[in-house]
Protein backbone atom coordinates (compact mmCIF):
# COMPACT_ATOMS: atom_id res chain seq x y z
CA MET A 1 -31.20 -4.40 -17.45
CA PRO A 2 -28.54 -2.16 -15.36
CA VAL A 3 -30.16 0.45 -13.22
CA ASP A 4 -28.64 3.97 -13.79
CA LYS A 5 -26.54 5.11 -10.90
CA PRO A 6 -27.80 8.23 -9.12
CA ARG A 7 -25.88 11.48 -9.43
CA TYR A 8 -23.34 11.97 -6.60
CA ILE A 9 -24.35 15.11 -4.51
CA GLU A 10 -21.74 17.76 -4.28
CA ARG A 11 -21.79 19.37 -0.87
CA GLY A 12 -19.85 21.97 0.95
CA GLY A 13 -17.09 21.00 3.38
CA GLU A 14 -16.63 17.51 1.61
CA ILE A 15 -13.37 17.57 -0.10
CA VAL A 16 -13.66 14.18 -1.98
CA ILE A 17 -11.82 14.88 -5.14
CA ARG A 18 -12.68 13.30 -8.44
CA GLN A 19 -10.32 10.61 -9.93
CA PRO A 20 -8.27 10.30 -12.03
CA LEU A 21 -5.61 12.06 -9.69
CA GLY A 22 -2.17 13.32 -11.07
CA LEU A 23 0.64 12.92 -8.05
CA ARG A 24 3.78 14.82 -8.75
CA ASP A 25 7.22 14.81 -7.08
CA VAL A 26 6.89 11.79 -5.33
CA THR A 27 9.56 10.33 -3.14
CA MET A 28 8.83 6.50 -2.24
CA TYR A 29 10.91 5.01 0.36
CA SER A 30 10.75 1.22 0.25
CA PHE A 31 11.84 -1.55 3.02
CA VAL A 32 11.15 -5.06 2.11
CA LEU A 33 10.23 -7.30 5.18
CA ALA A 34 10.15 -11.04 5.58
CA ALA A 35 6.48 -12.13 6.55
CA ASP A 36 4.86 -15.55 7.00
CA ARG A 37 2.97 -16.83 4.17
CA ASP A 38 0.29 -18.68 5.73
CA ARG A 39 -0.66 -15.32 7.75
CA LEU A 40 -0.73 -13.49 4.37
CA ILE A 41 -2.94 -16.15 2.95
CA ALA A 42 -5.28 -15.99 5.96
CA LEU A 43 -5.59 -12.34 5.64
CA VAL A 44 -6.14 -12.31 1.93
CA ASP A 45 -8.65 -14.83 2.17
CA ARG A 46 -10.69 -12.88 5.02
CA ASP A 47 -10.56 -9.59 3.07
CA LEU A 48 -10.73 -10.37 -0.49
CA ASN A 49 -11.54 -14.02 -1.35
CA ALA A 50 -14.30 -14.56 1.22
CA PRO A 51 -16.30 -11.72 0.09
CA ALA A 52 -15.76 -12.53 -3.64
CA ALA A 53 -16.91 -16.09 -3.03
CA GLY A 54 -15.13 -17.53 -6.03
CA ALA A 55 -15.58 -14.56 -8.67
CA VAL A 56 -11.92 -13.81 -8.40
CA ARG A 57 -9.10 -15.18 -6.28
CA TYR A 58 -6.04 -13.65 -4.91
CA VAL A 59 -2.70 -15.45 -3.74
CA PRO A 60 0.17 -13.82 -1.95
CA ALA A 61 3.12 -13.69 -4.32
CA GLY A 62 5.50 -14.74 -1.69
CA PRO A 63 6.63 -14.54 1.82
CA PHE A 64 7.22 -10.94 2.07
CA VAL A 65 5.84 -7.21 2.36
CA ALA A 66 6.86 -4.08 1.78
CA LEU A 67 6.67 -1.00 4.10
CA ILE A 68 6.37 2.04 1.70
CA CYS A 69 6.59 5.58 2.92
CA ALA A 70 5.60 7.92 0.11
CA ASP A 71 6.42 11.87 0.34
CA ILE A 72 3.71 13.38 -2.15
CA ALA A 73 4.78 16.80 -3.12
CA ARG A 74 1.72 17.74 -5.26
CA GLY A 75 -1.61 15.78 -5.59
CA GLN A 76 -4.33 17.32 -8.18
CA ALA A 77 -7.31 16.14 -9.99
CA LEU A 78 -6.36 15.64 -13.73
CA GLU A 79 -10.06 16.66 -14.81
CA GLU A 80 -12.30 19.80 -14.56
CA PRO A 81 -14.22 20.64 -12.59
CA ASP A 82 -11.98 19.42 -9.73
CA HIS A 83 -8.66 20.19 -11.27
CA SER A 84 -9.44 23.95 -10.80
CA LYS A 85 -9.97 23.38 -7.20
CA GLY A 86 -6.24 23.19 -6.63
CA TRP A 87 -3.82 20.72 -5.23
CA MET A 88 -2.54 19.51 -1.84
CA ALA A 89 0.56 17.42 -0.67
CA GLU A 90 0.69 14.48 1.66
CA LYS A 91 2.77 11.94 3.44
CA ASP A 92 1.44 8.36 3.38
CA VAL A 93 2.67 5.07 5.25
CA ALA A 94 1.46 1.72 3.99
CA PHE A 95 2.06 -2.02 4.01
CA TRP A 96 1.98 -3.54 0.54
CA ILE A 97 1.39 -7.26 -0.19
CA PRO A 98 1.93 -8.43 -3.55
CA LEU A 99 -0.54 -10.96 -5.05
CA PHE A 100 -1.38 -12.76 -8.05
CA ALA A 101 -5.09 -12.44 -9.05
CA GLY A 102 -6.62 -15.06 -11.06
CA LYS A 103 -9.11 -17.90 -11.12
CA GLN A 104 -9.24 -21.17 -9.39
CA VAL A 105 -9.96 -24.07 -11.80
CA GLY A 106 -10.55 -27.21 -9.85
CA PRO A 107 -7.59 -27.88 -7.83
CA VAL A 108 -5.31 -25.58 -9.92
CA PHE A 109 -4.83 -21.74 -9.41
CA VAL A 110 -4.37 -19.92 -12.68
CA PRO A 111 -2.75 -16.50 -12.04
CA GLN A 112 -3.82 -13.60 -14.64
CA ARG A 113 -2.18 -10.43 -13.12
CA LEU A 114 -0.12 -8.87 -10.54
CA VAL A 115 -1.64 -6.56 -7.86
CA PHE A 116 -0.96 -5.11 -4.72
CA TYR A 117 -3.16 -5.11 -1.52
CA LEU A 118 -2.65 -2.52 1.10
CA PRO A 119 -4.35 -3.61 4.31
CA TYR A 120 -2.87 -0.92 6.43
CA VAL A 121 -2.61 2.92 5.03
CA PHE A 122 -1.87 6.20 7.20
CA VAL A 123 -2.07 9.43 5.76
CA ASP A 124 -1.44 13.09 7.16
CA ASN A 125 -3.97 14.87 4.95
CA ILE A 126 -7.93 14.48 5.86
CA ALA A 127 -9.05 14.91 2.16
CA ALA A 128 -6.64 12.03 1.08
CA THR A 129 -8.07 9.98 3.94
CA VAL A 130 -11.91 10.65 2.74
CA THR A 131 -10.95 10.51 -1.23
CA GLY A 132 -9.48 7.05 -0.76
CA ARG A 133 -11.75 5.61 1.32
CA GLU A 134 -15.00 6.81 -0.46
CA ILE A 135 -13.66 6.19 -3.82
CA TYR A 136 -11.45 3.40 -3.84
CA GLY A 137 -11.94 1.67 -0.68
CA PHE A 138 -8.56 2.46 0.49
CA PRO A 139 -8.34 1.69 4.43
CA LYS A 140 -6.86 5.07 5.02
CA GLU A 141 -6.31 6.27 8.69
CA SER A 142 -5.29 10.12 9.58
CA GLY A 143 -2.17 10.38 11.48
CA VAL A 144 1.07 12.62 12.26
CA ILE A 145 3.56 11.45 10.05
CA ARG A 146 7.30 12.39 9.82
CA PHE A 147 10.00 11.69 7.54
CA PRO A 148 13.72 12.54 7.10
CA ALA A 149 14.35 15.61 4.76
CA GLY A 150 15.69 13.29 1.90
CA PRO A 151 17.01 9.85 1.11
CA CYS A 152 20.43 10.66 2.29
CA ALA A 153 19.25 12.74 5.27
CA GLU A 154 19.41 11.64 8.88
CA GLY A 155 16.17 10.95 10.60
CA ARG A 156 13.35 8.44 11.19
CA PHE A 157 10.13 7.58 9.50
CA GLU A 158 7.29 7.80 12.35
CA VAL A 159 3.58 7.51 12.36
CA ASP A 160 1.45 8.49 15.16
CA THR A 161 -2.40 7.78 15.12
CA LEU A 162 -5.22 6.88 17.03
CA ILE A 163 -4.96 3.38 18.71
CA ILE A 164 -6.63 1.24 21.20
CA ARG A 165 -3.81 -0.90 23.10
CA LYS A 166 -6.26 -3.47 24.81
CA TYR A 167 -9.91 -4.18 23.74
CA GLU A 168 -11.78 -4.05 27.04
CA PRO A 169 -14.64 -1.56 28.35
CA ALA A 170 -12.27 0.64 30.26
CA SER A 171 -9.86 1.04 27.55
CA PHE A 172 -8.93 4.68 26.40
CA GLY A 173 -8.51 5.50 22.70
CA GLU A 174 -5.23 7.52 22.58
CA VAL A 175 -2.90 8.95 19.70
CA ALA A 176 0.57 7.27 20.12
CA ARG A 177 3.54 6.13 17.97
CA LEU A 178 2.48 3.14 15.92
CA ILE A 179 5.45 2.94 13.40
CA ASP A 180 8.90 3.69 13.83
CA VAL A 181 11.75 3.29 11.32
CA GLU A 182 15.51 4.24 11.52
CA PRO A 183 18.59 3.08 9.96
CA ALA A 184 20.06 -0.28 11.16
CA GLU A 185 23.47 0.58 9.50
CA PRO A 186 25.29 3.54 8.59
CA PRO A 187 24.33 5.43 5.15
CA PRO A 188 26.66 4.88 2.09
CA SER A 189 29.63 7.39 2.03
CA PRO A 190 29.69 9.67 0.21
CA PRO A 191 26.08 9.88 0.10
CA GLU A 192 26.11 9.86 -3.82
CA ALA A 193 27.26 6.26 -3.52
CA GLY A 194 23.50 5.41 -3.11
CA GLY A 195 22.15 6.83 -6.10
CA TRP A 196 21.20 5.45 -9.36
CA THR A 197 22.28 7.13 -12.42
CA ASP A 198 20.58 5.01 -14.65
CA LEU A 199 16.94 3.96 -13.36
CA GLU A 200 16.64 0.70 -15.48
CA ALA A 201 20.13 -0.50 -14.48
CA GLY A 202 19.17 0.27 -10.73
CA LEU A 203 15.79 -1.59 -11.04
CA GLY A 204 17.81 -4.52 -12.62
CA ALA A 205 20.20 -4.38 -9.74
CA LEU A 206 17.33 -4.48 -7.22
CA GLY A 207 15.69 -7.64 -8.99
CA ASP A 208 19.37 -9.21 -8.69
CA ARG A 209 19.43 -8.51 -4.87
CA LEU A 210 15.86 -9.86 -4.33
CA LYS A 211 16.75 -13.06 -6.01
CA ASP A 212 19.82 -13.64 -3.91
CA LEU A 213 17.48 -12.86 -0.98
CA PHE A 214 14.74 -15.25 -1.74
CA GLU A 215 15.71 -17.68 -4.41
CA SER A 216 18.49 -18.79 -2.13
CA ASP A 217 15.88 -20.03 0.30
CA ALA A 218 13.88 -21.97 -2.25
CA VAL A 219 10.91 -20.04 -1.51
CA GLU A 220 8.82 -21.61 -4.41
CA ALA A 221 8.87 -22.17 -8.07
CA ALA A 222 6.85 -18.95 -8.74
CA ALA A 223 9.91 -16.88 -7.07
CA GLY A 224 10.64 -15.14 -10.34
CA ALA A 225 7.09 -13.64 -10.85
CA ALA A 226 6.99 -12.88 -7.08
CA LEU A 227 10.08 -10.60 -7.39
CA GLU A 228 8.49 -8.90 -10.46
CA ALA A 229 5.60 -8.03 -8.48
CA LEU A 230 7.55 -6.01 -6.23
CA LEU A 231 9.18 -4.36 -8.98
CA ALA A 232 5.82 -3.51 -10.69
CA ALA A 233 5.22 -0.83 -8.18
CA THR A 234 7.87 1.34 -10.25
CA ARG A 235 6.36 0.43 -13.70
CA PRO A 236 3.27 1.67 -15.83
CA GLY A 237 0.00 -0.07 -15.00
CA THR A 238 0.70 -1.29 -11.48
CA ARG A 239 -2.76 -2.37 -10.20
CA LEU A 240 -3.98 -2.03 -6.40
CA VAL A 241 -6.94 -4.03 -5.24
CA PHE A 242 -9.46 -2.74 -2.31
CA LEU A 243 -12.38 -4.20 -0.30
CA LYS A 244 -14.68 -1.13 -0.66
CA GLN A 245 -17.35 -1.19 2.04
CA PHE A 246 -19.72 0.59 3.99
CA ARG A 247 -21.35 -0.55 7.36
CA ASP A 248 -24.79 -0.95 7.27
CA ALA A 249 -27.15 1.62 9.43
CA GLU A 250 -29.56 -0.96 10.37
CA ASP A 251 -27.58 -4.04 10.90
CA PRO A 252 -24.09 -3.18 12.13
CA ALA A 253 -23.01 -6.75 11.30
CA ARG A 254 -23.57 -6.06 7.59
CA ALA A 255 -22.48 -3.98 4.94
CA CYS A 256 -24.80 -1.82 2.91
CA TYR A 257 -22.12 -1.90 0.14
CA GLN A 258 -19.34 -4.19 -0.55
CA ALA A 259 -17.16 -4.75 -3.68
CA ILE A 260 -13.69 -5.51 -4.69
CA ILE A 261 -12.04 -2.71 -6.66
CA GLU A 262 -8.96 -2.99 -8.82
CA ALA A 263 -7.53 0.53 -9.91
CA PRO A 264 -4.28 1.19 -11.78
CA ALA A 265 -1.32 3.40 -10.41
CA VAL A 266 0.46 4.65 -13.70
CA VAL A 267 4.03 5.80 -13.48
CA THR A 268 4.26 8.76 -16.02
CA SER A 269 7.79 9.72 -15.27
CA LEU A 270 10.71 8.37 -13.46
CA HIS A 271 13.29 10.73 -11.96
CA ARG A 272 16.14 9.46 -9.87
CA GLY A 273 16.39 6.39 -7.28
CA GLY A 274 18.83 4.74 -5.06
CA TRP A 275 19.77 2.22 -2.30
CA MET A 276 19.28 2.98 1.24
CA PRO A 277 20.82 1.37 4.17
CA ARG A 278 18.81 -1.44 5.90
CA HIS A 279 16.40 -0.28 8.42
CA ARG A 280 14.89 -1.44 11.70
CA VAL A 281 10.94 -1.32 11.74
CA ARG A 282 9.10 -1.27 14.98
CA VAL A 283 5.44 -1.62 15.14
CA ALA A 284 3.87 -1.05 18.52
CA GLU A 285 1.41 -3.77 19.79
CA ALA A 286 -2.18 -2.67 19.81
CA ASP A 287 -5.54 -4.56 19.52
CA SER A 288 -6.90 -1.92 17.32
CA HIS A 289 -4.00 -2.43 14.86
CA PRO A 290 -2.68 -6.33 14.77
CA ILE A 291 -0.17 -5.30 12.06
CA VAL A 292 2.42 -8.09 13.32
CA ARG A 293 -0.17 -10.78 13.65
CA ASP A 294 -1.94 -10.03 10.38
CA LEU A 295 1.23 -9.53 8.15
CA GLY A 296 3.10 -12.42 9.81
CA LEU A 297 6.12 -10.34 10.82
CA ALA A 298 8.78 -12.22 12.91
CA GLY A 299 8.06 -9.63 15.59
CA ALA A 300 7.31 -6.16 16.68
CA GLU A 301 10.86 -4.93 16.02
CA ILE A 302 12.72 -6.57 12.71
CA GLU A 303 15.36 -5.27 10.10
CA SER A 304 14.43 -4.84 6.54
CA LEU A 305 16.18 -7.02 4.07
CA LEU A 306 16.73 -4.17 1.80
CA ALA A 307 15.82 -0.83 1.24
CA THR A 308 15.41 1.58 -1.71
CA TRP A 309 14.17 5.08 -2.78
CA LEU A 310 12.56 6.30 -5.98
CA SER A 311 11.57 9.77 -7.12
CA PHE A 312 8.72 9.74 -9.70
CA ASP A 313 5.18 10.94 -10.91
CA PHE A 314 2.22 8.86 -11.13
CA THR A 315 -1.64 8.86 -11.89
CA MET A 316 -4.24 6.93 -9.81
CA ASP A 317 -6.67 6.36 -12.41
CA ARG A 318 -10.49 5.28 -12.35
CA GLY A 319 -11.11 1.80 -10.84
CA THR A 320 -13.12 -1.27 -12.00
CA VAL A 321 -15.50 -3.23 -10.15
CA VAL A 322 -14.28 -6.74 -10.11
CA TRP A 323 -16.89 -8.01 -7.93
CA SER A 324 -19.75 -6.71 -5.94
CA ALA A 325 -22.36 -8.11 -3.70
CA GLN A 326 -25.22 -6.30 -5.55
CA GLY A 327 -24.19 -8.14 -8.68
């Protein structure tokens, strides 16, 4: 018989906003990057499959990730009492890995759904950091984030955050540039040439371009489904997967709580979208953030395979515990 969960104690100064969350006037910039599939498999095995111990299995959809830069104009709880607390804005930058979630049946993996795993996430709002980590298990870190004024505006995407360049006793943690993204080619001229007047047609064109990029290299038989995974971020019911854990106070090598959480990010309204020029992505080398190694990127400076932008609203809904160490 399940034990009732204790009531959450609401304390002053803790701005942990209750889900579901409504996020409006979001402009999302997406940069698709080639990645090493074996590295992605190793990362997903470590973070998700090893803890779950067969209860669920996740497999990378293909040899690519997306660097997503999201400018969220308004985020607010959808339900009382937190809806009446007000709203906030935030910028976040994250690496998204599309995965198939399913079951291992003997030697055969049976995919059941598409999900996204975000191993690195940076935000400029401390309330969003705490809410994301404590409720869902987003590995959010606070940082100083700068975006261009809009999809056709000049400028760069920049993330400054606390890093440790080399793990050794004398090392000093410092706030420094970790991610830098700038155009690698001129923007379309006139700027309107980069816009989609019909989003369905635009998403279809995106799918065609992705197929040209990946199927031409004979990635794998599941390439079509993998491409669909990338497009899924713009459609209702996109599921995100998290490793939610807290370090134990008595034994620092253990977790006092550990679970695999999945939660739907439901797009409620699509506004506009379009192509962007390819961008050059630079990731600083730091032992604290082995992004290039974890994702199997070709190097600390790489060029995106393609780039798009979308404007939409979405809801971050309640999550589901897919597996937990507590049973």
